[in-house]
Amino acid sequence: MNIMIWLIAGGAVGWLGLRLFNLNRDRGPIPAALIAAVGAFIGGNSLAPMLTSSVTEPIIGFSPFALVVAIAVATAATFISSEISRRCGV
């Protein structure tokens, strides 16, 4: 359940970054959403467990902290990929 929420939130962050802030405008909406979704997955799956103090948190249950971390990493991934595209032309 968490993974689907992370991916949807990441895709939404990528799309909003494209529409509101013109991030990744050279790539288009689908790659922008995919970059953010991958960032959200990495943030929610890898970074959030390292930052939380609860070891016995259920895997299946919803974690608001993991969602916040996933959105933050998706935002960072969107910004970093846009800067790489702008500076290097990749």
N, C-alpha and C. Protein backbone atom coordinates (compact mmCIF):
# COMPACT_ATOMS: atom_id res chain seq x y z
N MET A 1 0.83 -1.20 0.00
CA MET A 1 0.00 0.00 0.00
C MET A 1 0.87 1.26 0.00
N ASN A 2 1.90 1.25 0.84
CA ASN A 2 2.78 2.41 0.90
C ASN A 2 3.44 2.68 -0.44
N ILE A 3 3.88 1.63 -1.11
CA ILE A 3 4.61 1.80 -2.36
C ILE A 3 3.73 2.49 -3.41
N MET A 4 2.49 2.08 -3.52
CA MET A 4 1.58 2.72 -4.49
C MET A 4 1.36 4.19 -4.15
N ILE A 5 1.22 4.50 -2.89
CA ILE A 5 1.03 5.89 -2.47
C ILE A 5 2.28 6.71 -2.78
N TRP A 6 3.46 6.14 -2.53
CA TRP A 6 4.71 6.84 -2.84
C TRP A 6 4.82 7.13 -4.33
N LEU A 7 4.51 6.13 -5.15
CA LEU A 7 4.62 6.31 -6.60
C LEU A 7 3.62 7.34 -7.12
N ILE A 8 2.41 7.32 -6.62
CA ILE A 8 1.41 8.30 -7.04
C ILE A 8 1.81 9.70 -6.58
N ALA A 9 2.26 9.81 -5.33
CA ALA A 9 2.69 11.12 -4.83
C ALA A 9 3.90 11.62 -5.60
N GLY A 10 4.83 10.74 -5.92
CA GLY A 10 6.00 11.13 -6.70
C GLY A 10 5.64 11.59 -8.09
N GLY A 11 4.73 10.87 -8.73
CA GLY A 11 4.27 11.29 -10.05
C GLY A 11 3.58 12.64 -10.01
N ALA A 12 2.81 12.87 -8.96
CA ALA A 12 2.13 14.16 -8.81
C ALA A 12 3.14 15.28 -8.58
N VAL A 13 4.18 15.00 -7.80
CA VAL A 13 5.23 16.00 -7.57
C VAL A 13 5.93 16.33 -8.88
N GLY A 14 6.26 15.32 -9.67
CA GLY A 14 6.91 15.56 -10.95
C GLY A 14 6.04 16.35 -11.90
N TRP A 15 4.77 16.02 -11.95
CA TRP A 15 3.85 16.75 -12.83
C TRP A 15 3.68 18.20 -12.36
N LEU A 16 3.52 18.40 -11.04
CA LEU A 16 3.39 19.76 -10.53
C LEU A 16 4.66 20.57 -10.73
N GLY A 17 5.81 19.93 -10.58
CA GLY A 17 7.07 20.62 -10.83
C GLY A 17 7.17 21.07 -12.27
N LEU A 18 6.68 20.25 -13.17
CA LEU A 18 6.70 20.61 -14.58
C LEU A 18 5.73 21.75 -14.86
N ARG A 19 4.53 21.66 -14.36
CA ARG A 19 3.49 22.65 -14.67
C ARG A 19 3.69 23.98 -13.94
N LEU A 20 4.06 23.93 -12.67
CA LEU A 20 4.15 25.16 -11.89
C LEU A 20 5.51 25.84 -11.97
N PHE A 21 6.59 25.05 -12.01
CA PHE A 21 7.92 25.62 -11.93
C PHE A 21 8.76 25.39 -13.18
N ASN A 22 8.19 24.78 -14.21
CA ASN A 22 8.87 24.48 -15.47
C ASN A 22 10.12 23.63 -15.26
N LEU A 23 10.12 22.75 -14.30
CA LEU A 23 11.22 21.82 -14.10
C LEU A 23 11.07 20.66 -15.08
N ASN A 24 12.14 20.23 -15.68
CA ASN A 24 12.16 19.14 -16.66
C ASN A 24 11.28 19.42 -17.86
N ARG A 25 11.13 20.68 -18.24
CA ARG A 25 10.25 21.00 -19.37
C ARG A 25 10.79 20.48 -20.68
N ASP A 26 12.10 20.29 -20.80
CA ASP A 26 12.67 19.74 -22.03
C ASP A 26 12.33 18.26 -22.20
N ARG A 27 12.13 17.57 -21.10
CA ARG A 27 11.86 16.13 -21.15
C ARG A 27 10.40 15.82 -21.38
N GLY A 28 9.50 16.62 -20.82
CA GLY A 28 8.08 16.38 -20.97
C GLY A 28 7.46 15.84 -19.70
N PRO A 29 6.13 15.65 -19.69
CA PRO A 29 5.45 15.27 -18.45
C PRO A 29 5.68 13.84 -18.01
N ILE A 30 5.78 12.90 -18.93
CA ILE A 30 5.92 11.50 -18.53
C ILE A 30 7.30 11.23 -17.92
N PRO A 31 8.41 11.64 -18.55
CA PRO A 31 9.71 11.44 -17.89
C PRO A 31 9.84 12.21 -16.58
N ALA A 32 9.24 13.41 -16.50
CA ALA A 32 9.29 14.18 -15.26
C ALA A 32 8.58 13.43 -14.14
N ALA A 33 7.42 12.85 -14.45
CA ALA A 33 6.69 12.09 -13.44
C ALA A 33 7.42 10.81 -13.06
N LEU A 34 8.06 10.16 -14.03
CA LEU A 34 8.81 8.94 -13.74
C LEU A 34 10.04 9.22 -12.87
N ILE A 35 10.74 10.30 -13.16
CA ILE A 35 11.91 10.66 -12.34
C ILE A 35 11.48 10.91 -10.90
N ALA A 36 10.40 11.65 -10.71
CA ALA A 36 9.92 11.93 -9.37
C ALA A 36 9.39 10.68 -8.68
N ALA A 37 8.73 9.79 -9.43
CA ALA A 37 8.22 8.55 -8.84
C ALA A 37 9.36 7.65 -8.37
N VAL A 38 10.43 7.58 -9.16
CA VAL A 38 11.59 6.79 -8.74
C VAL A 38 12.22 7.42 -7.50
N GLY A 39 12.31 8.74 -7.47
CA GLY A 39 12.82 9.42 -6.28
C GLY A 39 11.96 9.16 -5.06
N ALA A 40 10.65 9.16 -5.23
CA ALA A 40 9.75 8.88 -4.12
C ALA A 40 9.90 7.45 -3.63
N PHE A 41 10.07 6.52 -4.56
CA PHE A 41 10.26 5.13 -4.16
C PHE A 41 11.55 4.96 -3.36
N ILE A 42 12.61 5.57 -3.84
CA ILE A 42 13.89 5.47 -3.12
C ILE A 42 13.78 6.14 -1.75
N GLY A 43 13.14 7.30 -1.70
CA GLY A 43 13.00 7.98 -0.42
C GLY A 43 12.14 7.22 0.57
N GLY A 44 11.01 6.70 0.11
CA GLY A 44 10.12 5.99 1.02
C GLY A 44 10.61 4.63 1.41
N ASN A 45 11.32 3.96 0.48
CA ASN A 45 11.75 2.60 0.74
C ASN A 45 13.12 2.51 1.41
N SER A 46 14.02 3.43 1.09
CA SER A 46 15.38 3.34 1.61
C SER A 46 15.69 4.38 2.68
N LEU A 47 15.32 5.61 2.44
CA LEU A 47 15.71 6.68 3.34
C LEU A 47 14.82 6.77 4.58
N ALA A 48 13.53 6.60 4.43
CA ALA A 48 12.60 6.71 5.57
C ALA A 48 12.89 5.70 6.67
N PRO A 49 13.17 4.42 6.36
CA PRO A 49 13.49 3.50 7.45
C PRO A 49 14.78 3.87 8.18
N MET A 50 15.72 4.52 7.50
CA MET A 50 16.96 4.92 8.17
C MET A 50 16.74 6.10 9.10
N LEU A 51 15.74 6.93 8.82
CA LEU A 51 15.50 8.13 9.61
C LEU A 51 14.52 7.92 10.75
N THR A 52 13.77 6.87 10.73
CA THR A 52 12.78 6.63 11.80
C THR A 52 13.41 5.89 12.96
N SER A 53 12.83 6.08 14.13
CA SER A 53 13.37 5.41 15.32
C SER A 53 12.63 4.12 15.63
N SER A 54 11.50 3.88 14.99
CA SER A 54 10.71 2.70 15.24
C SER A 54 11.22 1.53 14.41
N VAL A 55 11.67 0.50 15.09
CA VAL A 55 12.18 -0.68 14.39
C VAL A 55 11.05 -1.64 14.06
N THR A 56 10.01 -1.67 14.87
CA THR A 56 8.93 -2.63 14.70
C THR A 56 7.74 -2.06 13.94
N GLU A 57 7.96 -1.10 13.09
CA GLU A 57 6.87 -0.52 12.30
C GLU A 57 6.37 -1.55 11.29
N PRO A 58 5.07 -1.73 11.17
CA PRO A 58 4.56 -2.72 10.21
C PRO A 58 4.86 -2.32 8.78
N ILE A 59 5.19 -3.31 7.97
CA ILE A 59 5.53 -3.07 6.57
C ILE A 59 4.28 -2.74 5.76
N ILE A 60 3.19 -3.39 6.06
CA ILE A 60 1.97 -3.24 5.27
C ILE A 60 1.25 -1.92 5.60
N GLY A 61 1.32 -1.46 6.84
CA GLY A 61 0.58 -0.27 7.26
C GLY A 61 1.07 1.01 6.63
N PHE A 62 0.23 2.04 6.70
CA PHE A 62 0.55 3.34 6.13
C PHE A 62 1.45 4.11 7.09
N SER A 63 2.47 4.74 6.55
CA SER A 63 3.40 5.53 7.35
C SER A 63 3.42 6.96 6.83
N PRO A 64 2.86 7.92 7.59
CA PRO A 64 2.87 9.30 7.14
C PRO A 64 4.29 9.86 7.04
N PHE A 65 5.18 9.46 7.92
CA PHE A 65 6.56 9.92 7.87
C PHE A 65 7.24 9.47 6.58
N ALA A 66 7.01 8.23 6.19
CA ALA A 66 7.60 7.72 4.95
C ALA A 66 7.05 8.48 3.74
N LEU A 67 5.79 8.87 3.79
CA LEU A 67 5.20 9.65 2.71
C LEU A 67 5.85 11.02 2.61
N VAL A 68 6.08 11.66 3.74
CA VAL A 68 6.73 12.97 3.75
C VAL A 68 8.15 12.87 3.20
N VAL A 69 8.87 11.84 3.61
CA VAL A 69 10.23 11.64 3.10
C VAL A 69 10.20 11.35 1.60
N ALA A 70 9.26 10.54 1.16
CA ALA A 70 9.14 10.22 -0.26
C ALA A 70 8.85 11.47 -1.09
N ILE A 71 7.99 12.34 -0.61
CA ILE A 71 7.68 13.57 -1.32
C ILE A 71 8.89 14.50 -1.35
N ALA A 72 9.64 14.57 -0.24
CA ALA A 72 10.83 15.42 -0.20
C ALA A 72 11.89 14.92 -1.18
N VAL A 73 12.10 13.62 -1.23
CA VAL A 73 13.11 13.07 -2.15
C VAL A 73 12.64 13.20 -3.59
N ALA A 74 11.35 13.05 -3.84
CA ALA A 74 10.83 13.24 -5.20
C ALA A 74 11.02 14.68 -5.66
N THR A 75 10.82 15.62 -4.76
CA THR A 75 11.04 17.03 -5.09
C THR A 75 12.52 17.27 -5.39
N ALA A 76 13.39 16.72 -4.57
CA ALA A 76 14.83 16.88 -4.80
C ALA A 76 15.25 16.23 -6.12
N ALA A 77 14.72 15.05 -6.41
CA ALA A 77 15.08 14.36 -7.66
C ALA A 77 14.60 15.16 -8.87
N THR A 78 13.43 15.76 -8.77
CA THR A 78 12.92 16.57 -9.86
C THR A 78 13.80 17.79 -10.08
N PHE A 79 14.17 18.46 -9.00
CA PHE A 79 15.01 19.64 -9.12
C PHE A 79 16.40 19.30 -9.65
N ILE A 80 17.01 18.24 -9.11
CA ILE A 80 18.36 17.86 -9.54
C ILE A 80 18.37 17.43 -11.00
N SER A 81 17.39 16.65 -11.43
CA SER A 81 17.36 16.23 -12.82
C SER A 81 17.13 17.41 -13.76
N SER A 82 16.33 18.38 -13.32
CA SER A 82 16.12 19.56 -14.14
C SER A 82 17.40 20.38 -14.25
N GLU A 83 18.15 20.50 -13.18
CA GLU A 83 19.41 21.25 -13.20
C GLU A 83 20.45 20.53 -14.07
N ILE A 84 20.50 19.23 -14.00
CA ILE A 84 21.42 18.47 -14.84
C ILE A 84 21.06 18.66 -16.32
N SER A 85 19.79 18.63 -16.61
CA SER A 85 19.33 18.84 -17.99
C SER A 85 19.65 20.24 -18.48
N ARG A 86 19.45 21.21 -17.61
CA ARG A 86 19.68 22.60 -18.00
C ARG A 86 21.18 22.89 -18.19
N ARG A 87 22.00 22.39 -17.30
CA ARG A 87 23.44 22.70 -17.36
C ARG A 87 24.21 21.85 -18.34
N CYS A 88 23.87 20.58 -18.43
CA CYS A 88 24.65 19.67 -19.28
C CYS A 88 23.97 19.34 -20.60
N GLY A 89 22.71 19.64 -20.72
CA GLY A 89 21.99 19.34 -21.95
C GLY A 89 21.68 17.87 -22.13
N VAL A 90 21.61 17.14 -21.03
CA VAL A 90 21.35 15.70 -21.10
C VAL A 90 19.87 15.46 -21.00
